[in-house]
Amino acid sequence: MELNLIKCKFEGSFTRRDYLEAFILQSTYVESLIKETISYLFSALEDKVDEQKYPLLKYFAKALNVQFEDIALYRSIELLKNARLISEDQSKDLHTYRIIRNKTFHSLLRVKNESTFENELKNAYKKCEEIMKKSGVIKAIENKIAEYEQKTALKKQEIIKRAKNS
């Protein structure tokens, strides 16, 4: 699904005052961006390893890519920071976001007053939106994904071109 479409969906949900849907979509969006960036990171590693020369290294690169699809958000953020794809401050902002998200989701079963919970969701959504805009971390990750997608498209074009010329 296109990134702008997903953003429109959670912003639309918030505008309609469907705060639970907005917060879930927003959280899913942020986590998907992070996981997608990690996937591109390991795919790039996998692409650089020559399978003929280094079959074991190629195997490990593939295994790492699969393994990191299921890691927790905390470790995903740390991986992006350690790979220097985000700054220390941006990782702190993402961790703040993660803490707010977890606190909100884990309190779902303890909801006693729907109105109070709606306000909590609304405030959590707004707080997370502030964090993301302030640090620019989501924009940075979106740009990285666009860059990776562009490189992937160029590689595919080169492969097709070479195949036609063969």
Foldseek 3Di string as FASTA:
>chain_A
DDLVVLVCVLVVCVVVLVLVRNLVSVVVSVLVLLLLLLLLVLVVVLVPDDCVVCVPSNVVSVVVSVVSSPDDPLVSLVVCCVVVLADPLLSVLVVVLVVLSVVLVVCVVVDDDPVVNSVSSSVSSVSNVVSCVVRVNSVSSVVSSVVSVVVVVVVVVVVVVVVVVD
